[in-house]
Amino acid sequence: MAHKTSGGSSDNNRDSNPQYLGVKLFGGEKAKTGSIIVRQRGSKFIPGSNVRKGKDDTLYAIKEGTVEFKNKRKTHFDGRALIRKEVSVM
């Protein structure tokens, strides 16, 4: 006879909470002061004018205006090109 009952489905009932990352305000939308534009891990989007980066890499507006996205090309010292999206509030 078995000394324990089978483990089964009670081991499978755990899951982590979602992180709710991504773009919160898209290009052309109005941003108020302090409103979150992008929630991200790392620097996929970089801050432009009137946008600051929080300690968890969140981009937020520091001035009221319209959100704008544009591609920013950055060159490494060895000549490799890296394209990042820059977020600005105008």
PDB file of N, CA and C in Angstrom:
ATOM      1  N   MET A   1       0.825  -1.199   0.000  1.00  0.00           N
ATOM      2  CA  MET A   1       0.000   0.000   0.000  1.00  0.00           C
ATOM      3  C   MET A   1       0.864   1.255   0.000  1.00  0.00           C
ATOM      4  N   ALA A   2       0.301   2.301  -0.573  1.00  0.00           N
ATOM      5  CA  ALA A   2       1.033   3.566  -0.613  1.00  0.00           C
ATOM      6  C   ALA A   2       0.945   4.267   0.739  1.00  0.00           C
ATOM      7  N   HIS A   3       2.021   4.933   1.094  1.00  0.00           N
ATOM      8  CA  HIS A   3       2.049   5.664   2.369  1.00  0.00           C
ATOM      9  C   HIS A   3       1.582   7.110   2.202  1.00  0.00           C
ATOM     10  N   LYS A   4       1.522   7.621   0.969  1.00  0.00           N
ATOM     11  CA  LYS A   4       1.075   8.989   0.701  1.00  0.00           C
ATOM     12  C   LYS A   4       0.028   8.957  -0.402  1.00  0.00           C
ATOM     13  N   THR A   5      -0.859   9.951  -0.371  1.00  0.00           N
ATOM     14  CA  THR A   5      -1.779  10.080  -1.502  1.00  0.00           C
ATOM     15  C   THR A   5      -1.043  10.759  -2.647  1.00  0.00           C
ATOM     16  N   SER A   6      -1.560  10.631  -3.835  1.00  0.00           N
ATOM     17  CA  SER A   6      -0.867  11.178  -4.999  1.00  0.00           C
ATOM     18  C   SER A   6      -0.841  12.707  -4.958  1.00  0.00           C
ATOM     19  N   GLY A   7       0.247  13.319  -5.480  1.00  0.00           N
ATOM     20  CA  GLY A   7       0.449  14.773  -5.443  1.00  0.00           C
ATOM     21  C   GLY A   7      -0.542  15.514  -6.315  1.00  0.00           C
ATOM     22  N   GLY A   8      -0.608  15.168  -7.558  1.00  0.00           N
ATOM     23  CA  GLY A   8      -1.625  15.666  -8.469  1.00  0.00           C
ATOM     24  C   GLY A   8      -1.685  17.171  -8.647  1.00  0.00           C
ATOM     25  N   SER A   9      -2.901  17.661  -8.739  1.00  0.00           N
ATOM     26  CA  SER A   9      -3.125  19.036  -9.194  1.00  0.00           C
ATOM     27  C   SER A   9      -2.829  20.096  -8.143  1.00  0.00           C
ATOM     28  N   SER A  10      -2.698  19.748  -6.878  1.00  0.00           N
ATOM     29  CA  SER A  10      -2.443  20.784  -5.872  1.00  0.00           C
ATOM     30  C   SER A  10      -1.053  21.394  -6.028  1.00  0.00           C
ATOM     31  N   ASP A  11      -0.143  20.721  -6.714  1.00  0.00           N
ATOM     32  CA  ASP A  11       1.188  21.273  -6.960  1.00  0.00           C
ATOM     33  C   ASP A  11       1.188  22.283  -8.101  1.00  0.00           C
ATOM     34  N   ASN A  12       0.147  22.315  -8.896  1.00  0.00           N
ATOM     35  CA  ASN A  12       0.149  23.119 -10.118  1.00  0.00           C
ATOM     36  C   ASN A  12      -0.591  24.446 -10.010  1.00  0.00           C
ATOM     37  N   ASN A  13      -1.092  24.801  -8.834  1.00  0.00           N
ATOM     38  CA  ASN A  13      -1.987  25.947  -8.727  1.00  0.00           C
ATOM     39  C   ASN A  13      -1.295  27.268  -8.401  1.00  0.00           C
ATOM     40  N   ARG A  14      -0.046  27.441  -8.809  1.00  0.00           N
ATOM     41  CA  ARG A  14       0.664  28.691  -8.551  1.00  0.00           C
ATOM     42  C   ARG A  14       0.970  29.401  -9.860  1.00  0.00           C
ATOM     43  N   ASP A  15       0.929  30.731  -9.807  1.00  0.00           N
ATOM     44  CA  ASP A  15       1.265  31.540 -10.973  1.00  0.00           C
ATOM     45  C   ASP A  15       1.697  32.914 -10.470  1.00  0.00           C
ATOM     46  N   SER A  16       2.589  33.586 -11.201  1.00  0.00           N
ATOM     47  CA  SER A  16       3.034  34.916 -10.796  1.00  0.00           C
ATOM     48  C   SER A  16       2.083  35.971 -11.361  1.00  0.00           C
ATOM     49  N   ASN A  17       2.064  37.118 -10.705  1.00  0.00           N
ATOM     50  CA  ASN A  17       1.202  38.206 -11.148  1.00  0.00           C
ATOM     51  C   ASN A  17       1.748  38.834 -12.424  1.00  0.00           C
ATOM     52  N   PRO A  18       0.885  39.339 -13.311  1.00  0.00           N
ATOM     53  CA  PRO A  18       1.352  39.999 -14.530  1.00  0.00           C
ATOM     54  C   PRO A  18       2.036  41.320 -14.206  1.00  0.00           C
ATOM     55  N   GLN A  19       2.947  41.763 -15.078  1.00  0.00           N
ATOM     56  CA  GLN A  19       3.722  42.975 -14.801  1.00  0.00           C
ATOM     57  C   GLN A  19       3.137  44.222 -15.455  1.00  0.00           C
ATOM     58  N   TYR A  20       2.193  44.079 -16.367  1.00  0.00           N
ATOM     59  CA  TYR A  20       1.514  45.209 -17.016  1.00  0.00           C
ATOM     60  C   TYR A  20       2.500  46.175 -17.672  1.00  0.00           C
ATOM     61  N   LEU A  21       3.447  45.625 -18.437  1.00  0.00           N
ATOM     62  CA  LEU A  21       4.428  46.444 -19.133  1.00  0.00           C
ATOM     63  C   LEU A  21       3.889  46.868 -20.490  1.00  0.00           C
ATOM     64  N   GLY A  22       4.556  47.840 -21.115  1.00  0.00           N
ATOM     65  CA  GLY A  22       4.203  48.251 -22.468  1.00  0.00           C
ATOM     66  C   GLY A  22       3.929  49.726 -22.576  1.00  0.00           C
ATOM     67  N   VAL A  23       3.509  50.135 -23.771  1.00  0.00           N
ATOM     68  CA  VAL A  23       3.213  51.534 -24.054  1.00  0.00           C
ATOM     69  C   VAL A  23       1.833  51.869 -23.506  1.00  0.00           C
ATOM     70  N   LYS A  24       1.755  52.920 -22.702  1.00  0.00           N
ATOM     71  CA  LYS A  24       0.483  53.330 -22.100  1.00  0.00           C
ATOM     72  C   LYS A  24      -0.147  54.502 -22.845  1.00  0.00           C
ATOM     73  N   LEU A  25       0.659  55.402 -23.394  1.00  0.00           N
ATOM     74  CA  LEU A  25       0.167  56.511 -24.223  1.00  0.00           C
ATOM     75  C   LEU A  25       0.857  56.424 -25.576  1.00  0.00           C
ATOM     76  N   PHE A  26       0.084  56.391 -26.649  1.00  0.00           N
ATOM     77  CA  PHE A  26       0.638  56.244 -27.990  1.00  0.00           C
ATOM     78  C   PHE A  26       0.865  57.603 -28.639  1.00  0.00           C
ATOM     79  N   GLY A  27       1.534  57.616 -29.782  1.00  0.00           N
ATOM     80  CA  GLY A  27       1.846  58.850 -30.487  1.00  0.00           C
ATOM     81  C   GLY A  27       0.599  59.631 -30.847  1.00  0.00           C
ATOM     82  N   GLY A  28       0.614  60.936 -30.573  1.00  0.00           N
ATOM     83  CA  GLY A  28      -0.521  61.799 -30.868  1.00  0.00           C
ATOM     84  C   GLY A  28      -1.473  61.972 -29.703  1.00  0.00           C
ATOM     85  N   GLU A  29      -1.329  61.171 -28.655  1.00  0.00           N
ATOM     86  CA  GLU A  29      -2.205  61.305 -27.495  1.00  0.00           C
ATOM     87  C   GLU A  29      -1.692  62.405 -26.565  1.00  0.00           C
ATOM     88  N   LYS A  30      -2.593  62.995 -25.802  1.00  0.00           N
ATOM     89  CA  LYS A  30      -2.250  64.047 -24.857  1.00  0.00           C
ATOM     90  C   LYS A  30      -1.683  63.430 -23.582  1.00  0.00           C
ATOM     91  N   ALA A  31      -0.610  64.031 -23.075  1.00  0.00           N
ATOM     92  CA  ALA A  31      -0.001  63.584 -21.820  1.00  0.00           C
ATOM     93  C   ALA A  31      -0.042  64.722 -20.821  1.00  0.00           C
ATOM     94  N   LYS A  32      -0.490  64.406 -19.617  1.00  0.00           N
ATOM     95  CA  LYS A  32      -0.445  65.383 -18.531  1.00  0.00           C
ATOM     96  C   LYS A  32       0.894  65.247 -17.809  1.00  0.00           C
ATOM     97  N   THR A  33       1.221  66.220 -16.985  1.00  0.00           N
ATOM     98  CA  THR A  33       2.450  66.158 -16.212  1.00  0.00           C
ATOM     99  C   THR A  33       2.420  64.961 -15.266  1.00  0.00           C
ATOM    100  N   GLY A  34       3.449  64.138 -15.315  1.00  0.00           N
ATOM    101  CA  GLY A  34       3.552  62.974 -14.442  1.00  0.00           C
ATOM    102  C   GLY A  34       2.900  61.717 -14.982  1.00  0.00           C
ATOM    103  N   SER A  35       2.231  61.795 -16.120  1.00  0.00           N
ATOM    104  CA  SER A  35       1.558  60.608 -16.647  1.00  0.00           C
ATOM    105  C   SER A  35       2.575  59.637 -17.249  1.00  0.00           C
ATOM    106  N   ILE A  36       2.338  58.358 -17.030  1.00  0.00           N
ATOM    107  CA  ILE A  36       3.245  57.308 -17.504  1.00  0.00           C
ATOM    108  C   ILE A  36       3.020  57.083 -18.991  1.00  0.00           C
ATOM    109  N   ILE A  37       4.103  57.068 -19.747  1.00  0.00           N
ATOM    110  CA  ILE A  37       4.022  56.855 -21.191  1.00  0.00           C
ATOM    111  C   ILE A  37       4.377  55.406 -21.532  1.00  0.00           C
ATOM    112  N   VAL A  38       5.489  54.902 -20.979  1.00  0.00           N
ATOM    113  CA  VAL A  38       5.931  53.538 -21.263  1.00  0.00           C
ATOM    114  C   VAL A  38       6.389  52.887 -19.960  1.00  0.00           C
ATOM    115  N   ARG A  39       5.920  51.649 -19.703  1.00  0.00           N
ATOM    116  CA  ARG A  39       6.440  50.830 -18.612  1.00  0.00           C
ATOM    117  C   ARG A  39       7.302  49.762 -19.260  1.00  0.00           C
ATOM    118  N   GLN A  40       8.568  49.656 -18.845  1.00  0.00           N
ATOM    119  CA  GLN A  40       9.493  48.770 -19.537  1.00  0.00           C
ATOM    120  C   GLN A  40      10.534  48.211 -18.581  1.00  0.00           C
ATOM    121  N   ARG A  41      11.220  47.174 -19.020  1.00  0.00           N
ATOM    122  CA  ARG A  41      12.396  46.632 -18.343  1.00  0.00           C
ATOM    123  C   ARG A  41      13.577  46.884 -19.263  1.00  0.00           C
ATOM    124  N   GLY A  42      14.556  47.625 -18.798  1.00  0.00           N
ATOM    125  CA  GLY A  42      15.668  48.007 -19.647  1.00  0.00           C
ATOM    126  C   GLY A  42      15.311  49.261 -20.417  1.00  0.00           C
ATOM    127  N   SER A  43      16.122  49.606 -21.412  1.00  0.00           N
ATOM    128  CA  SER A  43      15.907  50.854 -22.142  1.00  0.00           C
ATOM    129  C   SER A  43      15.530  50.588 -23.593  1.00  0.00           C
ATOM    130  N   LYS A  44      14.423  49.911 -23.816  1.00  0.00           N
ATOM    131  CA  LYS A  44      13.926  49.695 -25.170  1.00  0.00           C
ATOM    132  C   LYS A  44      13.515  51.036 -25.782  1.00  0.00           C
ATOM    133  N   PHE A  45      12.887  51.880 -24.969  1.00  0.00           N
ATOM    134  CA  PHE A  45      12.552  53.248 -25.351  1.00  0.00           C
ATOM    135  C   PHE A  45      13.427  54.181 -24.528  1.00  0.00           C
ATOM    136  N   ILE A  46      13.930  55.256 -25.150  1.00  0.00           N
ATOM    137  CA  ILE A  46      14.765  56.203 -24.422  1.00  0.00           C
ATOM    138  C   ILE A  46      14.016  57.532 -24.301  1.00  0.00           C
ATOM    139  N   PRO A  47      14.252  58.283 -23.213  1.00  0.00           N
ATOM    140  CA  PRO A  47      13.542  59.547 -23.024  1.00  0.00           C
ATOM    141  C   PRO A  47      14.080  60.646 -23.926  1.00  0.00           C
ATOM    142  N   GLY A  48      13.169  61.427 -24.491  1.00  0.00           N
ATOM    143  CA  GLY A  48      13.527  62.590 -25.289  1.00  0.00           C
ATOM    144  C   GLY A  48      13.215  63.849 -24.514  1.00  0.00           C
ATOM    145  N   SER A  49      12.788  64.887 -25.205  1.00  0.00           N
ATOM    146  CA  SER A  49      12.500  66.151 -24.537  1.00  0.00           C
ATOM    147  C   SER A  49      11.212  66.051 -23.729  1.00  0.00           C
ATOM    148  N   ASN A  50      11.233  66.623 -22.548  1.00  0.00           N
ATOM    149  CA  ASN A  50      10.108  66.663 -21.609  1.00  0.00           C
ATOM    150  C   ASN A  50       9.680  65.282 -21.115  1.00  0.00           C
ATOM    151  N   VAL A  51      10.581  64.306 -21.178  1.00  0.00           N
ATOM    152  CA  VAL A  51      10.313  62.954 -20.681  1.00  0.00           C
ATOM    153  C   VAL A  51      11.482  62.550 -19.795  1.00  0.00           C
ATOM    154  N   ARG A  52      11.174  61.937 -18.652  1.00  0.00           N
ATOM    155  CA  ARG A  52      12.211  61.446 -17.747  1.00  0.00           C
ATOM    156  C   ARG A  52      12.052  59.949 -17.543  1.00  0.00           C
ATOM    157  N   LYS A  53      13.124  59.320 -17.045  1.00  0.00           N
ATOM    158  CA  LYS A  53      13.128  57.883 -16.805  1.00  0.00           C
ATOM    159  C   LYS A  53      13.174  57.624 -15.308  1.00  0.00           C
ATOM    160  N   GLY A  54      12.231  56.823 -14.800  1.00  0.00           N
ATOM    161  CA  GLY A  54      12.194  56.477 -13.384  1.00  0.00           C
ATOM    162  C   GLY A  54      13.186  55.380 -13.055  1.00  0.00           C
ATOM    163  N   LYS A  55      13.285  55.024 -11.768  1.00  0.00           N
ATOM    164  CA  LYS A  55      14.279  54.042 -11.345  1.00  0.00           C
ATOM    165  C   LYS A  55      13.974  52.636 -11.854  1.00  0.00           C
ATOM    166  N   ASP A  56      12.721  52.353 -12.216  1.00  0.00           N
ATOM    167  CA  ASP A  56      12.387  51.054 -12.802  1.00  0.00           C
ATOM    168  C   ASP A  56      12.259  51.154 -14.319  1.00  0.00           C
ATOM    169  N   ASP A  57      12.918  52.156 -14.920  1.00  0.00           N
ATOM    170  CA  ASP A  57      12.972  52.397 -16.372  1.00  0.00           C
ATOM    171  C   ASP A  57      11.646  52.867 -16.963  1.00  0.00           C
ATOM    172  N   THR A  58      10.694  53.262 -16.125  1.00  0.00           N
ATOM    173  CA  THR A  58       9.426  53.794 -16.617  1.00  0.00           C
ATOM    174  C   THR A  58       9.640  55.196 -17.171  1.00  0.00           C
ATOM    175  N   LEU A  59       9.079  55.470 -18.347  1.00  0.00           N
ATOM    176  CA  LEU A  59       9.157  56.807 -18.931  1.00  0.00           C
ATOM    177  C   LEU A  59       7.888  57.566 -18.600  1.00  0.00           C
ATOM    178  N   TYR A  60       8.046  58.812 -18.122  1.00  0.00           N
ATOM    179  CA  TYR A  60       6.893  59.629 -17.746  1.00  0.00           C
ATOM    180  C   TYR A  60       7.100  61.064 -18.214  1.00  0.00           C
ATOM    181  N   ALA A  61       5.995  61.776 -18.396  1.00  0.00           N
ATOM    182  CA  ALA A  61       6.035  63.150 -18.896  1.00  0.00           C
ATOM    183  C   ALA A  61       6.313  64.113 -17.751  1.00  0.00           C
ATOM    184  N   ILE A  62       7.142  65.134 -18.025  1.00  0.00           N
ATOM    185  CA  ILE A  62       7.384  66.169 -17.027  1.00  0.00           C
ATOM    186  C   ILE A  62       6.714  67.481 -17.427  1.00  0.00           C
ATOM    187  N   LYS A  63       6.030  67.464 -18.552  1.00  0.00           N
ATOM    188  CA  LYS A  63       5.354  68.648 -19.058  1.00  0.00           C
ATOM    189  C   LYS A  63       4.123  68.196 -19.834  1.00  0.00           C
ATOM    190  N   GLU A  64       3.098  69.028 -19.867  1.00  0.00           N
ATOM    191  CA  GLU A  64       1.888  68.695 -20.608  1.00  0.00           C
ATOM    192  C   GLU A  64       2.135  68.855 -22.108  1.00  0.00           C
ATOM    193  N   GLY A  65       1.574  67.968 -22.918  1.00  0.00           N
ATOM    194  CA  GLY A  65       1.742  68.062 -24.362  1.00  0.00           C
ATOM    195  C   GLY A  65       1.323  66.794 -25.073  1.00  0.00           C
ATOM    196  N   THR A  66       1.760  66.665 -26.316  1.00  0.00           N
ATOM    197  CA  THR A  66       1.423  65.527 -27.167  1.00  0.00           C
ATOM    198  C   THR A  66       2.611  64.575 -27.253  1.00  0.00           C
ATOM    199  N   VAL A  67       2.337  63.285 -27.169  1.00  0.00           N
ATOM    200  CA  VAL A  67       3.389  62.265 -27.196  1.00  0.00           C
ATOM    201  C   VAL A  67       3.856  62.039 -28.634  1.00  0.00           C
ATOM    202  N   GLU A  68       5.183  61.946 -28.808  1.00  0.00           N
ATOM    203  CA  GLU A  68       5.769  61.673 -30.122  1.00  0.00           C
ATOM    204  C   GLU A  68       6.807  60.571 -29.996  1.00  0.00           C
ATOM    205  N   PHE A  69       6.804  59.643 -30.948  1.00  0.00           N
ATOM    206  CA  PHE A  69       7.803  58.577 -31.018  1.00  0.00           C
ATOM    207  C   PHE A  69       8.630  58.780 -32.272  1.00  0.00           C
ATOM    208  N   LYS A  70       9.954  58.564 -32.180  1.00  0.00           N
ATOM    209  CA  LYS A  70      10.789  58.562 -33.376  1.00  0.00           C
ATOM    210  C   LYS A  70      11.977  57.640 -33.152  1.00  0.00           C
ATOM    211  N   ASN A  71      12.527  57.115 -34.233  1.00  0.00           N
ATOM    212  CA  ASN A  71      13.679  56.224 -34.142  1.00  0.00           C
ATOM    213  C   ASN A  71      14.942  57.037 -33.967  1.00  0.00           C
ATOM    214  N   LYS A  72      15.788  56.602 -33.042  1.00  0.00           N
ATOM    215  CA  LYS A  72      17.057  57.272 -32.767  1.00  0.00           C
ATOM    216  C   LYS A  72      18.166  56.276 -33.048  1.00  0.00           C
ATOM    217  N   ARG A  73      19.107  56.649 -33.904  1.00  0.00           N
ATOM    218  CA  ARG A  73      20.206  55.765 -34.283  1.00  0.00           C
ATOM    219  C   ARG A  73      21.420  56.103 -33.430  1.00  0.00           C
ATOM    220  N   LYS A  74      21.971  55.075 -32.793  1.00  0.00           N
ATOM    221  CA  LYS A  74      23.147  55.256 -31.949  1.00  0.00           C
ATOM    222  C   LYS A  74      24.236  54.340 -32.464  1.00  0.00           C
ATOM    223  N   THR A  75      25.467  54.853 -32.593  1.00  0.00           N
ATOM    224  CA  THR A  75      26.571  54.062 -33.108  1.00  0.00           C
ATOM    225  C   THR A  75      27.515  53.702 -31.972  1.00  0.00           C
ATOM    226  N   HIS A  76      27.846  52.421 -31.887  1.00  0.00           N
ATOM    227  CA  HIS A  76      28.818  51.957 -30.905  1.00  0.00           C
ATOM    228  C   HIS A  76      30.223  52.348 -31.350  1.00  0.00           C
ATOM    229  N   PHE A  77      31.211  52.192 -30.460  1.00  0.00           N
ATOM    230  CA  PHE A  77      32.593  52.537 -30.790  1.00  0.00           C
ATOM    231  C   PHE A  77      33.165  51.642 -31.885  1.00  0.00           C
ATOM    232  N   ASP A  78      32.661  50.419 -31.997  1.00  0.00           N
ATOM    233  CA  ASP A  78      33.178  49.524 -33.039  1.00  0.00           C
ATOM    234  C   ASP A  78      32.416  49.667 -34.355  1.00  0.00           C
ATOM    235  N   GLY A  79      31.518  50.655 -34.456  1.00  0.00           N
ATOM    236  CA  GLY A  79      30.828  50.926 -35.708  1.00  0.00           C
ATOM    237  C   GLY A  79      29.461  50.292 -35.846  1.00  0.00           C
ATOM    238  N   ARG A  80      29.085  49.401 -34.904  1.00  0.00           N
ATOM    239  CA  ARG A  80      27.763  48.786 -34.980  1.00  0.00           C
ATOM    240  C   ARG A  80      26.687  49.816 -34.707  1.00  0.00           C
ATOM    241  N   ALA A  81      25.609  49.736 -35.441  1.00  0.00           N
ATOM    242  CA  ALA A  81      24.497  50.672 -35.256  1.00  0.00           C
ATOM    243  C   ALA A  81      23.428  50.040 -34.376  1.00  0.00           C
ATOM    244  N   LEU A  82      22.843  50.840 -33.506  1.00  0.00           N
ATOM    245  CA  LEU A  82      21.789  50.401 -32.615  1.00  0.00           C
ATOM    246  C   LEU A  82      20.645  51.394 -32.758  1.00  0.00           C
ATOM    247  N   ILE A  83      19.459  50.900 -33.012  1.00  0.00           N
ATOM    248  CA  ILE A  83      18.308  51.788 -33.182  1.00  0.00           C
ATOM    249  C   ILE A  83      17.404  51.643 -31.973  1.00  0.00           C
ATOM    250  N   ARG A  84      17.149  52.762 -31.310  1.00  0.00           N
ATOM    251  CA  ARG A  84      16.234  52.817 -30.166  1.00  0.00           C
ATOM    252  C   ARG A  84      15.103  53.763 -30.523  1.00  0.00           C
ATOM    253  N   LYS A  85      13.954  53.568 -29.876  1.00  0.00           N
ATOM    254  CA  LYS A  85      12.841  54.483 -30.069  1.00  0.00           C
ATOM    255  C   LYS A  85      12.922  55.565 -29.001  1.00  0.00           C
ATOM    256  N   GLU A  86      12.832  56.824 -29.417  1.00  0.00           N
ATOM    257  CA  GLU A  86      12.885  57.954 -28.492  1.00  0.00           C
ATOM    258  C   GLU A  86      11.468  58.491 -28.296  1.00  0.00           C
ATOM    259  N   VAL A  87      11.114  58.771 -27.054  1.00  0.00           N
ATOM    260  CA  VAL A  87       9.791  59.285 -26.713  1.00  0.00           C
ATOM    261  C   VAL A  87       9.928  60.723 -26.266  1.00  0.00           C
ATOM    262  N   SER A  88       9.157  61.622 -26.871  1.00  0.00           N
ATOM    263  CA  SER A  88       9.160  63.032 -26.509  1.00  0.00           C
ATOM    264  C   SER A  88       7.742  63.511 -26.262  1.00  0.00           C
ATOM    265  N   VAL A  89       7.635  64.596 -25.510  1.00  0.00           N
ATOM    266  CA  VAL A  89       6.347  65.256 -25.312  1.00  0.00           C
ATOM    267  C   VAL A  89       6.505  66.683 -25.794  1.00  0.00           C
ATOM    268  N   MET A  90       5.713  67.068 -26.782  1.00  0.00           N
ATOM    269  CA  MET A  90       5.803  68.415 -27.361  1.00  0.00           C
ATOM    270  C   MET A  90       4.557  69.221 -27.055  1.00  0.00           C
TER     271      MET A  90
END
